[in-house]
PDB file of N, CA and C in Angstrom:
ATOM      1  N   MET A   1       0.848  -1.173   0.000  1.00  0.00           N
ATOM      2  CA  MET A   1       0.000   0.000   0.000  1.00  0.00           C
ATOM      3  C   MET A   1       0.899   1.244   0.000  1.00  0.00           C
ATOM      4  N   ILE A   2       0.589   2.152  -0.894  1.00  0.00           N
ATOM      5  CA  ILE A   2       1.296   3.432  -0.949  1.00  0.00           C
ATOM      6  C   ILE A   2       0.318   4.500  -0.465  1.00  0.00           C
ATOM      7  N   LEU A   3       0.659   5.143   0.610  1.00  0.00           N
ATOM      8  CA  LEU A   3      -0.235   6.108   1.247  1.00  0.00           C
ATOM      9  C   LEU A   3      -0.257   7.449   0.514  1.00  0.00           C
ATOM     10  N   PRO A   4      -1.327   8.224   0.664  1.00  0.00           N
ATOM     11  CA  PRO A   4      -1.404   9.544   0.047  1.00  0.00           C
ATOM     12  C   PRO A   4      -0.217  10.409   0.441  1.00  0.00           C
ATOM     13  N   GLY A   5       0.313  11.154  -0.528  1.00  0.00           N
ATOM     14  CA  GLY A   5       1.414  12.064  -0.283  1.00  0.00           C
ATOM     15  C   GLY A   5       2.791  11.433  -0.396  1.00  0.00           C
ATOM     16  N   ILE A   6       2.861  10.116  -0.566  1.00  0.00           N
ATOM     17  CA  ILE A   6       4.144   9.418  -0.676  1.00  0.00           C
ATOM     18  C   ILE A   6       4.661   9.525  -2.106  1.00  0.00           C
ATOM     19  N   SER A   7       5.985   9.690  -2.256  1.00  0.00           N
ATOM     20  CA  SER A   7       6.620   9.680  -3.575  1.00  0.00           C
ATOM     21  C   SER A   7       7.491   8.442  -3.691  1.00  0.00           C
ATOM     22  N   VAL A   8       7.395   7.758  -4.832  1.00  0.00           N
ATOM     23  CA  VAL A   8       8.198   6.579  -5.139  1.00  0.00           C
ATOM     24  C   VAL A   8       9.236   7.023  -6.160  1.00  0.00           C
ATOM     25  N   TYR A   9      10.512   6.810  -5.863  1.00  0.00           N
ATOM     26  CA  TYR A   9      11.600   7.233  -6.737  1.00  0.00           C
ATOM     27  C   TYR A   9      12.179   6.030  -7.459  1.00  0.00           C
ATOM     28  N   ASN A  10      12.227   6.113  -8.790  1.00  0.00           N
ATOM     29  CA  ASN A  10      12.749   5.032  -9.623  1.00  0.00           C
ATOM     30  C   ASN A  10      14.148   5.375 -10.105  1.00  0.00           C
ATOM     31  N   ALA A  11      15.077   4.410  -9.999  1.00  0.00           N
ATOM     32  CA  ALA A  11      16.449   4.607 -10.468  1.00  0.00           C
ATOM     33  C   ALA A  11      16.457   4.757 -11.982  1.00  0.00           C
ATOM     34  N   THR A  12      17.360   5.567 -12.497  1.00  0.00           N
ATOM     35  CA  THR A  12      17.475   5.771 -13.937  1.00  0.00           C
ATOM     36  C   THR A  12      17.676   4.430 -14.635  1.00  0.00           C
ATOM     37  N   GLY A  13      16.865   4.158 -15.632  1.00  0.00           N
ATOM     38  CA  GLY A  13      16.962   2.925 -16.409  1.00  0.00           C
ATOM     39  C   GLY A  13      16.282   1.726 -15.787  1.00  0.00           C
ATOM     40  N   ALA A  14      15.923   1.803 -14.512  1.00  0.00           N
ATOM     41  CA  ALA A  14      15.275   0.681 -13.842  1.00  0.00           C
ATOM     42  C   ALA A  14      13.767   0.780 -14.002  1.00  0.00           C
ATOM     43  N   GLY A  15      13.115  -0.378 -14.068  1.00  0.00           N
ATOM     44  CA  GLY A  15      11.660  -0.405 -14.154  1.00  0.00           C
ATOM     45  C   GLY A  15      11.038   0.004 -12.832  1.00  0.00           C
ATOM     46  N   GLY A  16       9.761   0.183 -12.847  1.00  0.00           N
ATOM     47  CA  GLY A  16       9.030   0.567 -11.645  1.00  0.00           C
ATOM     48  C   GLY A  16       8.479  -0.640 -10.920  1.00  0.00           C
ATOM     49  N   ILE A  17       7.272  -0.526 -10.424  1.00  0.00           N
ATOM     50  CA  ILE A  17       6.617  -1.581  -9.657  1.00  0.00           C
ATOM     51  C   ILE A  17       5.929  -2.542 -10.614  1.00  0.00           C
ATOM     52  N   VAL A  18       6.223  -3.840 -10.481  1.00  0.00           N
ATOM     53  CA  VAL A  18       5.572  -4.882 -11.277  1.00  0.00           C
ATOM     54  C   VAL A  18       4.694  -5.690 -10.331  1.00  0.00           C
ATOM     55  N   VAL A  19       3.411  -5.825 -10.690  1.00  0.00           N
ATOM     56  CA  VAL A  19       2.473  -6.571  -9.861  1.00  0.00           C
ATOM     57  C   VAL A  19       2.075  -7.823 -10.626  1.00  0.00           C
ATOM     58  N   ARG A  20       2.297  -9.009  -9.995  1.00  0.00           N
ATOM     59  CA  ARG A  20       1.986 -10.298 -10.650  1.00  0.00           C
ATOM     60  C   ARG A  20       1.637 -11.337  -9.588  1.00  0.00           C
ATOM     61  N   ASN A  21       1.238 -12.513 -10.038  1.00  0.00           N
ATOM     62  CA  ASN A  21       0.990 -13.672  -9.154  1.00  0.00           C
ATOM     63  C   ASN A  21       0.063 -13.339  -7.982  1.00  0.00           C
ATOM     64  N   ASN A  22      -1.083 -12.778  -8.292  1.00  0.00           N
ATOM     65  CA  ASN A  22      -2.088 -12.376  -7.306  1.00  0.00           C
ATOM     66  C   ASN A  22      -1.613 -11.283  -6.363  1.00  0.00           C
ATOM     67  N   GLY A  23      -0.546 -10.582  -6.739  1.00  0.00           N
ATOM     68  CA  GLY A  23      -0.085  -9.448  -5.949  1.00  0.00           C
ATOM     69  C   GLY A  23      -1.087  -8.313  -6.027  1.00  0.00           C
ATOM     70  N   VAL A  24      -1.099  -7.482  -5.012  1.00  0.00           N
ATOM     71  CA  VAL A  24      -2.038  -6.365  -4.942  1.00  0.00           C
ATOM     72  C   VAL A  24      -1.254  -5.072  -4.736  1.00  0.00           C
ATOM     73  N   LEU A  25      -1.582  -4.060  -5.510  1.00  0.00           N
ATOM     74  CA  LEU A  25      -1.024  -2.725  -5.307  1.00  0.00           C
ATOM     75  C   LEU A  25      -2.170  -1.774  -5.015  1.00  0.00           C
ATOM     76  N   ILE A  26      -2.076  -1.106  -3.887  1.00  0.00           N
ATOM     77  CA  ILE A  26      -3.037  -0.067  -3.534  1.00  0.00           C
ATOM     78  C   ILE A  26      -2.232   1.234  -3.482  1.00  0.00           C
ATOM     79  N   ALA A  27      -2.512   2.135  -4.397  1.00  0.00           N
ATOM     80  CA  ALA A  27      -1.850   3.446  -4.444  1.00  0.00           C
ATOM     81  C   ALA A  27      -2.940   4.484  -4.649  1.00  0.00           C
ATOM     82  N   ASN A  28      -3.562   4.881  -3.571  1.00  0.00           N
ATOM     83  CA  ASN A  28      -4.689   5.805  -3.642  1.00  0.00           C
ATOM     84  C   ASN A  28      -4.322   7.123  -2.963  1.00  0.00           C
ATOM     85  N   GLY A  29      -4.011   8.108  -3.784  1.00  0.00           N
ATOM     86  CA  GLY A  29      -3.789   9.443  -3.264  1.00  0.00           C
ATOM     87  C   GLY A  29      -5.120  10.147  -3.072  1.00  0.00           C
ATOM     88  N   THR A  30      -5.043  11.406  -2.719  1.00  0.00           N
ATOM     89  CA  THR A  30      -6.240  12.242  -2.605  1.00  0.00           C
ATOM     90  C   THR A  30      -6.036  13.443  -3.523  1.00  0.00           C
ATOM     91  N   ASN A  31      -7.047  14.270  -3.661  1.00  0.00           N
ATOM     92  CA  ASN A  31      -6.890  15.480  -4.472  1.00  0.00           C
ATOM     93  C   ASN A  31      -5.809  16.391  -3.900  1.00  0.00           C
ATOM     94  N   GLU A  32      -5.661  16.392  -2.591  1.00  0.00           N
ATOM     95  CA  GLU A  32      -4.668  17.243  -1.935  1.00  0.00           C
ATOM     96  C   GLU A  32      -3.302  16.569  -1.820  1.00  0.00           C
ATOM     97  N   LEU A  33      -3.276  15.259  -1.649  1.00  0.00           N
ATOM     98  CA  LEU A  33      -2.033  14.497  -1.446  1.00  0.00           C
ATOM     99  C   LEU A  33      -1.961  13.351  -2.455  1.00  0.00           C
ATOM    100  N   ARG A  34      -1.435  13.639  -3.616  1.00  0.00           N
ATOM    101  CA  ARG A  34      -1.323  12.621  -4.657  1.00  0.00           C
ATOM    102  C   ARG A  34      -0.138  11.699  -4.366  1.00  0.00           C
ATOM    103  N   VAL A  35      -0.195  10.492  -4.918  1.00  0.00           N
ATOM    104  CA  VAL A  35       0.945   9.574  -4.882  1.00  0.00           C
ATOM    105  C   VAL A  35       1.811   9.927  -6.082  1.00  0.00           C
ATOM    106  N   GLY A  36       3.101  10.122  -5.863  1.00  0.00           N
ATOM    107  CA  GLY A  36       4.003  10.510  -6.941  1.00  0.00           C
ATOM    108  C   GLY A  36       4.944   9.386  -7.333  1.00  0.00           C
ATOM    109  N   PHE A  37       5.177   9.239  -8.634  1.00  0.00           N
ATOM    110  CA  PHE A  37       6.159   8.304  -9.174  1.00  0.00           C
ATOM    111  C   PHE A  37       7.156   9.158  -9.941  1.00  0.00           C
ATOM    112  N   LEU A  38       8.403   9.211  -9.439  1.00  0.00           N
ATOM    113  CA  LEU A  38       9.395  10.155  -9.939  1.00  0.00           C
ATOM    114  C   LEU A  38      10.718   9.460 -10.237  1.00  0.00           C
ATOM    115  N   SER A  39      11.616  10.196 -10.850  1.00  0.00           N
ATOM    116  CA  SER A  39      12.972   9.711 -11.095  1.00  0.00           C
ATOM    117  C   SER A  39      13.844  10.018  -9.880  1.00  0.00           C
ATOM    118  N   ALA A  40      14.760   9.092  -9.561  1.00  0.00           N
ATOM    119  CA  ALA A  40      15.696   9.307  -8.455  1.00  0.00           C
ATOM    120  C   ALA A  40      16.933  10.076  -8.905  1.00  0.00           C
ATOM    121  N   ALA A  41      17.026  10.406 -10.187  1.00  0.00           N
ATOM    122  CA  ALA A  41      18.195  11.114 -10.713  1.00  0.00           C
ATOM    123  C   ALA A  41      18.308  12.505 -10.090  1.00  0.00           C
ATOM    124  N   ALA A  42      19.544  12.956  -9.906  1.00  0.00           N
ATOM    125  CA  ALA A  42      19.781  14.293  -9.360  1.00  0.00           C
ATOM    126  C   ALA A  42      19.207  15.365 -10.278  1.00  0.00           C
ATOM    127  N   GLN A  43      19.326  15.155 -11.594  1.00  0.00           N
ATOM    128  CA  GLN A  43      18.729  16.039 -12.594  1.00  0.00           C
ATOM    129  C   GLN A  43      17.886  15.182 -13.533  1.00  0.00           C
ATOM    130  N   PRO A  44      16.645  14.936 -13.176  1.00  0.00           N
ATOM    131  CA  PRO A  44      15.815  14.023 -13.969  1.00  0.00           C
ATOM    132  C   PRO A  44      15.412  14.594 -15.326  1.00  0.00           C
ATOM    133  N   TYR A  45      15.256  13.699 -16.271  1.00  0.00           N
ATOM    134  CA  TYR A  45      14.797  14.025 -17.618  1.00  0.00           C
ATOM    135  C   TYR A  45      13.711  13.046 -18.012  1.00  0.00           C
ATOM    136  N   GLN A  46      12.918  13.446 -19.004  1.00  0.00           N
ATOM    137  CA  GLN A  46      11.913  12.540 -19.547  1.00  0.00           C
ATOM    138  C   GLN A  46      12.612  11.269 -20.004  1.00  0.00           C
ATOM    139  N   ASN A  47      11.976  10.132 -19.817  1.00  0.00           N
ATOM    140  CA  ASN A  47      12.485   8.810 -20.197  1.00  0.00           C
ATOM    141  C   ASN A  47      13.583   8.308 -19.259  1.00  0.00           C
ATOM    142  N   ASP A  48      13.668   8.806 -18.042  1.00  0.00           N
ATOM    143  CA  ASP A  48      14.669   8.332 -17.084  1.00  0.00           C
ATOM    144  C   ASP A  48      14.459   6.874 -16.690  1.00  0.00           C
ATOM    145  N   TYR A  49      13.211   6.432 -16.638  1.00  0.00           N
ATOM    146  CA  TYR A  49      12.921   5.036 -16.291  1.00  0.00           C
ATOM    147  C   TYR A  49      11.762   4.565 -17.163  1.00  0.00           C
ATOM    148  N   PRO A  50      11.672   3.226 -17.416  1.00  0.00           N
ATOM    149  CA  PRO A  50      10.705   2.726 -18.404  1.00  0.00           C
ATOM    150  C   PRO A  50       9.234   2.895 -18.028  1.00  0.00           C
ATOM    151  N   PHE A  51       8.876   2.636 -16.779  1.00  0.00           N
ATOM    152  CA  PHE A  51       7.464   2.698 -16.384  1.00  0.00           C
ATOM    153  C   PHE A  51       7.380   2.883 -14.877  1.00  0.00           C
ATOM    154  N   ALA A  52       6.232   3.342 -14.421  1.00  0.00           N
ATOM    155  CA  ALA A  52       5.998   3.487 -12.982  1.00  0.00           C
ATOM    156  C   ALA A  52       5.367   2.225 -12.416  1.00  0.00           C
ATOM    157  N   ILE A  53       4.329   1.720 -13.091  1.00  0.00           N
ATOM    158  CA  ILE A  53       3.593   0.542 -12.623  1.00  0.00           C
ATOM    159  C   ILE A  53       3.258  -0.335 -13.816  1.00  0.00           C
ATOM    160  N   LYS A  54       3.454  -1.633 -13.648  1.00  0.00           N
ATOM    161  CA  LYS A  54       3.018  -2.606 -14.657  1.00  0.00           C
ATOM    162  C   LYS A  54       2.178  -3.656 -13.947  1.00  0.00           C
ATOM    163  N   LEU A  55       0.898  -3.728 -14.320  1.00  0.00           N
ATOM    164  CA  LEU A  55       0.009  -4.751 -13.781  1.00  0.00           C
ATOM    165  C   LEU A  55      -0.020  -5.905 -14.775  1.00  0.00           C
ATOM    166  N   GLU A  56       0.608  -7.016 -14.423  1.00  0.00           N
ATOM    167  CA  GLU A  56       0.611  -8.170 -15.313  1.00  0.00           C
ATOM    168  C   GLU A  56      -0.726  -8.882 -15.223  1.00  0.00           C
ATOM    169  N   SER A  57      -0.997  -9.762 -16.182  1.00  0.00           N
ATOM    170  CA  SER A  57      -2.295 -10.427 -16.259  1.00  0.00           C
ATOM    171  C   SER A  57      -2.591 -11.283 -15.028  1.00  0.00           C
ATOM    172  N   THR A  58      -1.559 -11.655 -14.261  1.00  0.00           N
ATOM    173  CA  THR A  58      -1.764 -12.470 -13.057  1.00  0.00           C
ATOM    174  C   THR A  58      -1.961 -11.626 -11.799  1.00  0.00           C
ATOM    175  N   ALA A  59      -1.965 -10.304 -11.924  1.00  0.00           N
ATOM    176  CA  ALA A  59      -2.168  -9.429 -10.757  1.00  0.00           C
ATOM    177  C   ALA A  59      -3.574  -9.623 -10.196  1.00  0.00           C
ATOM    178  N   SER A  60      -3.721  -9.397  -8.916  1.00  0.00           N
ATOM    179  CA  SER A  60      -5.018  -9.531  -8.257  1.00  0.00           C
ATOM    180  C   SER A  60      -6.007  -8.495  -8.782  1.00  0.00           C
ATOM    181  N   PRO A  61      -7.286  -8.861  -8.848  1.00  0.00           N
ATOM    182  CA  PRO A  61      -8.308  -7.885  -9.251  1.00  0.00           C
ATOM    183  C   PRO A  61      -8.555  -6.819  -8.177  1.00  0.00           C
ATOM    184  N   LEU A  62      -7.896  -6.921  -7.048  1.00  0.00           N
ATOM    185  CA  LEU A  62      -8.078  -5.951  -5.968  1.00  0.00           C
ATOM    186  C   LEU A  62      -7.161  -4.740  -6.086  1.00  0.00           C
ATOM    187  N   CYS A  63      -6.323  -4.681  -7.141  1.00  0.00           N
ATOM    188  CA  CYS A  63      -5.436  -3.527  -7.328  1.00  0.00           C
ATOM    189  C   CYS A  63      -6.257  -2.252  -7.477  1.00  0.00           C
ATOM    190  N   SER A  64      -5.777  -1.177  -6.874  1.00  0.00           N
ATOM    191  CA  SER A  64      -6.476   0.104  -6.939  1.00  0.00           C
ATOM    192  C   SER A  64      -5.434   1.216  -7.022  1.00  0.00           C
ATOM    193  N   ILE A  65      -5.538   2.047  -8.077  1.00  0.00           N
ATOM    194  CA  ILE A  65      -4.584   3.133  -8.300  1.00  0.00           C
ATOM    195  C   ILE A  65      -5.385   4.388  -8.632  1.00  0.00           C
ATOM    196  N   ASN A  66      -5.314   5.384  -7.757  1.00  0.00           N
ATOM    197  CA  ASN A  66      -6.092   6.612  -7.934  1.00  0.00           C
ATOM    198  C   ASN A  66      -5.283   7.824  -7.491  1.00  0.00           C
ATOM    199  N   ASN A  67      -5.520   8.954  -8.148  1.00  0.00           N
ATOM    200  CA  ASN A  67      -4.890  10.223  -7.784  1.00  0.00           C
ATOM    201  C   ASN A  67      -3.373  10.111  -7.708  1.00  0.00           C
ATOM    202  N   CYS A  68      -2.781   9.645  -8.814  1.00  0.00           N
ATOM    203  CA  CYS A  68      -1.333   9.490  -8.910  1.00  0.00           C
ATOM    204  C   CYS A  68      -0.773  10.424  -9.981  1.00  0.00           C
ATOM    205  N   VAL A  69       0.462  10.838  -9.796  1.00  0.00           N
ATOM    206  CA  VAL A  69       1.173  11.648 -10.778  1.00  0.00           C
ATOM    207  C   VAL A  69       2.450  10.903 -11.137  1.00  0.00           C
ATOM    208  N   VAL A  70       2.707  10.745 -12.448  1.00  0.00           N
ATOM    209  CA  VAL A  70       3.922  10.087 -12.920  1.00  0.00           C
ATOM    210  C   VAL A  70       4.753  11.115 -13.670  1.00  0.00           C
ATOM    211  N   MET A  71       6.021  11.230 -13.274  1.00  0.00           N
ATOM    212  CA  MET A  71       6.913  12.184 -13.926  1.00  0.00           C
ATOM    213  C   MET A  71       8.193  11.480 -14.351  1.00  0.00           C
ATOM    214  N   PHE A  72       8.675  11.819 -15.545  1.00  0.00           N
ATOM    215  CA  PHE A  72       9.964  11.378 -16.081  1.00  0.00           C
ATOM    216  C   PHE A  72      10.009   9.921 -16.518  1.00  0.00           C
ATOM    217  N   ALA A  73       8.887   9.247 -16.661  1.00  0.00           N
ATOM    218  CA  ALA A  73       8.867   7.888 -17.203  1.00  0.00           C
ATOM    219  C   ALA A  73       8.898   7.961 -18.728  1.00  0.00           C
ATOM    220  N   GLU A  74       9.257   6.835 -19.359  1.00  0.00           N
ATOM    221  CA  GLU A  74       9.292   6.795 -20.824  1.00  0.00           C
ATOM    222  C   GLU A  74       7.893   6.980 -21.384  1.00  0.00           C
ATOM    223  N   LYS A  75       7.785   7.771 -22.414  1.00  0.00           N
ATOM    224  CA  LYS A  75       6.496   8.054 -23.038  1.00  0.00           C
ATOM    225  C   LYS A  75       5.905   6.837 -23.733  1.00  0.00           C
ATOM    226  N   GLU A  76       6.736   6.045 -24.411  1.00  0.00           N
ATOM    227  CA  GLU A  76       6.217   4.978 -25.268  1.00  0.00           C
ATOM    228  C   GLU A  76       5.453   3.914 -24.500  1.00  0.00           C
ATOM    229  N   TYR A  77       5.745   3.722 -23.221  1.00  0.00           N
ATOM    230  CA  TYR A  77       5.055   2.695 -22.449  1.00  0.00           C
ATOM    231  C   TYR A  77       3.817   3.225 -21.754  1.00  0.00           C
ATOM    232  N   GLY A  78       3.617   4.506 -21.757  1.00  0.00           N
ATOM    233  CA  GLY A  78       2.445   5.068 -21.107  1.00  0.00           C
ATOM    234  C   GLY A  78       2.589   5.135 -19.598  1.00  0.00           C
ATOM    235  N   SER A  79       3.720   4.712 -19.064  1.00  0.00           N
ATOM    236  CA  SER A  79       4.130   4.777 -17.668  1.00  0.00           C
ATOM    237  C   SER A  79       3.329   3.887 -16.714  1.00  0.00           C
ATOM    238  N   ILE A  80       2.072   3.661 -16.984  1.00  0.00           N
ATOM    239  CA  ILE A  80       1.284   2.709 -16.190  1.00  0.00           C
ATOM    240  C   ILE A  80       0.594   1.793 -17.175  1.00  0.00           C
ATOM    241  N   THR A  81       0.911   0.503 -17.094  1.00  0.00           N
ATOM    242  CA  THR A  81       0.358  -0.443 -18.052  1.00  0.00           C
ATOM    243  C   THR A  81      -0.392  -1.545 -17.332  1.00  0.00           C
ATOM    244  N   ALA A  82      -1.376  -2.090 -18.005  1.00  0.00           N
ATOM    245  CA  ALA A  82      -2.144  -3.210 -17.470  1.00  0.00           C
ATOM    246  C   ALA A  82      -2.247  -4.262 -18.567  1.00  0.00           C
ATOM    247  N   ALA A  83      -1.588  -5.397 -18.387  1.00  0.00           N
ATOM    248  CA  ALA A  83      -1.616  -6.472 -19.366  1.00  0.00           C
ATOM    249  C   ALA A  83      -2.995  -7.117 -19.384  1.00  0.00           C
ATOM    250  N   SER A  84      -3.605  -7.160 -20.556  1.00  0.00           N
ATOM    251  CA  SER A  84      -4.916  -7.779 -20.741  1.00  0.00           C
ATOM    252  C   SER A  84      -5.992  -7.151 -19.864  1.00  0.00           C
ATOM    253  N   LYS A  85      -5.792  -5.951 -19.453  1.00  0.00           N
ATOM    254  CA  LYS A  85      -6.767  -5.240 -18.640  1.00  0.00           C
ATOM    255  C   LYS A  85      -6.885  -3.820 -19.195  1.00  0.00           C
ATOM    256  N   THR A  86      -8.015  -3.229 -19.061  1.00  0.00           N
ATOM    257  CA  THR A  86      -8.219  -1.905 -19.614  1.00  0.00           C
ATOM    258  C   THR A  86      -8.437  -0.899 -18.498  1.00  0.00           C
ATOM    259  N   PRO A  87      -7.573   0.106 -18.378  1.00  0.00           N
ATOM    260  CA  PRO A  87      -7.833   1.143 -17.382  1.00  0.00           C
ATOM    261  C   PRO A  87      -9.168   1.817 -17.669  1.00  0.00           C
ATOM    262  N   SER A  88      -9.818   2.281 -16.622  1.00  0.00           N
ATOM    263  CA  SER A  88     -11.118   2.908 -16.804  1.00  0.00           C
ATOM    264  C   SER A  88     -11.011   4.315 -17.381  1.00  0.00           C
ATOM    265  N   SER A  89      -9.799   4.777 -17.583  1.00  0.00           N
ATOM    266  CA  SER A  89      -9.604   6.078 -18.201  1.00  0.00           C
ATOM    267  C   SER A  89      -8.764   5.919 -19.457  1.00  0.00           C
ATOM    268  N   ARG A  90      -8.696   6.957 -20.267  1.00  0.00           N
ATOM    269  CA  ARG A  90      -7.998   6.852 -21.538  1.00  0.00           C
ATOM    270  C   ARG A  90      -6.478   6.842 -21.351  1.00  0.00           C
ATOM    271  N   ARG A  91      -5.751   6.566 -22.421  1.00  0.00           N
ATOM    272  CA  ARG A  91      -4.295   6.532 -22.383  1.00  0.00           C
ATOM    273  C   ARG A  91      -3.751   7.876 -21.904  1.00  0.00           C
ATOM    274  N   PRO A  92      -2.565   7.866 -21.304  1.00  0.00           N
ATOM    275  CA  PRO A  92      -2.031   9.126 -20.776  1.00  0.00           C
ATOM    276  C   PRO A  92      -1.688  10.122 -21.874  1.00  0.00           C
ATOM    277  N   SER A  93      -1.895  11.366 -21.565  1.00  0.00           N
ATOM    278  CA  SER A  93      -1.395  12.406 -22.457  1.00  0.00           C
ATOM    279  C   SER A  93       0.048  12.662 -22.065  1.00  0.00           C
ATOM    280  N   GLN A  94       0.857  13.097 -22.992  1.00  0.00           N
ATOM    281  CA  GLN A  94       2.280  13.251 -22.745  1.00  0.00           C
ATOM    282  C   GLN A  94       2.653  14.730 -22.680  1.00  0.00           C
ATOM    283  N   SER A  95       3.602  15.036 -21.835  1.00  0.00           N
ATOM    284  CA  SER A  95       4.191  16.365 -21.804  1.00  0.00           C
ATOM    285  C   SER A  95       5.677  16.191 -21.531  1.00  0.00           C
ATOM    286  N   ALA A  96       6.423  17.259 -21.499  1.00  0.00           N
ATOM    287  CA  ALA A  96       7.876  17.167 -21.321  1.00  0.00           C
ATOM    288  C   ALA A  96       8.254  16.461 -20.028  1.00  0.00           C
ATOM    289  N   SER A  97       7.521  16.670 -18.961  1.00  0.00           N
ATOM    290  CA  SER A  97       7.939  16.075 -17.702  1.00  0.00           C
ATOM    291  C   SER A  97       6.835  15.358 -16.936  1.00  0.00           C
ATOM    292  N   GLN A  98       5.611  15.389 -17.427  1.00  0.00           N
ATOM    293  CA  GLN A  98       4.536  14.767 -16.666  1.00  0.00           C
ATOM    294  C   GLN A  98       3.608  13.996 -17.574  1.00  0.00           C
ATOM    295  N   GLU A  99       3.024  12.952 -17.025  1.00  0.00           N
ATOM    296  CA  GLU A  99       2.000  12.193 -17.713  1.00  0.00           C
ATOM    297  C   GLU A  99       0.813  12.071 -16.771  1.00  0.00           C
ATOM    298  N   TYR A 100      -0.357  12.331 -17.278  1.00  0.00           N
ATOM    299  CA  TYR A 100      -1.552  12.220 -16.466  1.00  0.00           C
ATOM    300  C   TYR A 100      -2.565  11.349 -17.186  1.00  0.00           C
ATOM    301  N   ILE A 101      -3.333  10.617 -16.435  1.00  0.00           N
ATOM    302  CA  ILE A 101      -4.484   9.904 -16.979  1.00  0.00           C
ATOM    303  C   ILE A 101      -5.689  10.526 -16.311  1.00  0.00           C
ATOM    304  N   ARG A 102      -6.613  11.005 -17.110  1.00  0.00           N
ATOM    305  CA  ARG A 102      -7.732  11.743 -16.546  1.00  0.00           C
ATOM    306  C   ARG A 102      -9.008  11.388 -17.302  1.00  0.00           C
ATOM    307  N   LYS A 103     -10.063  11.040 -16.561  1.00  0.00           N
ATOM    308  CA  LYS A 103     -11.351  10.756 -17.182  1.00  0.00           C
ATOM    309  C   LYS A 103     -12.121  12.038 -17.457  1.00  0.00           C
ATOM    310  N   ALA A 104     -12.094  12.939 -16.536  1.00  0.00           N
ATOM    311  CA  ALA A 104     -12.795  14.207 -16.665  1.00  0.00           C
ATOM    312  C   ALA A 104     -12.113  15.184 -15.697  1.00  0.00           C
ATOM    313  N   PRO A 105     -12.297  16.490 -15.873  1.00  0.00           N
ATOM    314  CA  PRO A 105     -11.599  17.451 -15.015  1.00  0.00           C
ATOM    315  C   PRO A 105     -11.774  17.220 -13.520  1.00  0.00           C
ATOM    316  N   THR A 106     -12.895  16.668 -13.088  1.00  0.00           N
ATOM    317  CA  THR A 106     -13.108  16.488 -11.662  1.00  0.00           C
ATOM    318  C   THR A 106     -12.835  15.053 -11.197  1.00  0.00           C
ATOM    319  N   SER A 107     -12.433  14.178 -12.125  1.00  0.00           N
ATOM    320  CA  SER A 107     -12.187  12.783 -11.776  1.00  0.00           C
ATOM    321  C   SER A 107     -10.795  12.603 -11.213  1.00  0.00           C
ATOM    322  N   PRO A 108     -10.558  11.457 -10.534  1.00  0.00           N
ATOM    323  CA  PRO A 108      -9.206  11.160 -10.086  1.00  0.00           C
ATOM    324  C   PRO A 108      -8.251  11.103 -11.266  1.00  0.00           C
ATOM    325  N   ILE A 109      -6.974  11.347 -11.020  1.00  0.00           N
ATOM    326  CA  ILE A 109      -5.995  11.322 -12.102  1.00  0.00           C
ATOM    327  C   ILE A 109      -5.919   9.944 -12.727  1.00  0.00           C
ATOM    328  N   LEU A 110      -6.039   8.878 -11.942  1.00  0.00           N
ATOM    329  CA  LEU A 110      -5.972   7.550 -12.516  1.00  0.00           C
ATOM    330  C   LEU A 110      -6.882   6.625 -11.736  1.00  0.00           C
ATOM    331  N   SER A 111      -7.582   5.803 -12.446  1.00  0.00           N
ATOM    332  CA  SER A 111      -8.419   4.806 -11.781  1.00  0.00           C
ATOM    333  C   SER A 111      -8.320   3.512 -12.561  1.00  0.00           C
ATOM    334  N   ILE A 112      -7.673   2.519 -11.978  1.00  0.00           N
ATOM    335  CA  ILE A 112      -7.568   1.209 -12.624  1.00  0.00           C
ATOM    336  C   ILE A 112      -8.158   0.188 -11.673  1.00  0.00           C
ATOM    337  N   MET A 113      -9.125  -0.521 -12.116  1.00  0.00           N
ATOM    338  CA  MET A 113      -9.650  -1.665 -11.358  1.00  0.00           C
ATOM    339  C   MET A 113      -9.430  -2.872 -12.250  1.00  0.00           C
ATOM    340  N   THR A 114      -8.571  -3.779 -11.845  1.00  0.00           N
ATOM    341  CA  THR A 114      -8.225  -4.922 -12.688  1.00  0.00           C
ATOM    342  C   THR A 114      -9.195  -6.048 -12.504  1.00  0.00           C
TER     343      THR A 114
END
């Protein structure tokens, strides 16, 4: 479980969190205290690490990811992926340093129920 307001730092070139074999990831931030996925580099750049979260097809259906911000992950992977599962929101939009998944302006930044 990743609590609201916590930041997870990924080493340059290293992957992020992989959830498999009935593993469960709960990363539920709030509107005020988002969960952050960032680069551990002293001077981070876009594409510093491949992804923030990868939910493999064997991950538990109890995974919950809401109100998260991903910065400096590789654009091509979308930073949060779900194998054989469809996030309830559209693919992330890309910017120089941030990626967001948003259903609507008032919705959580990310909502995946596997």
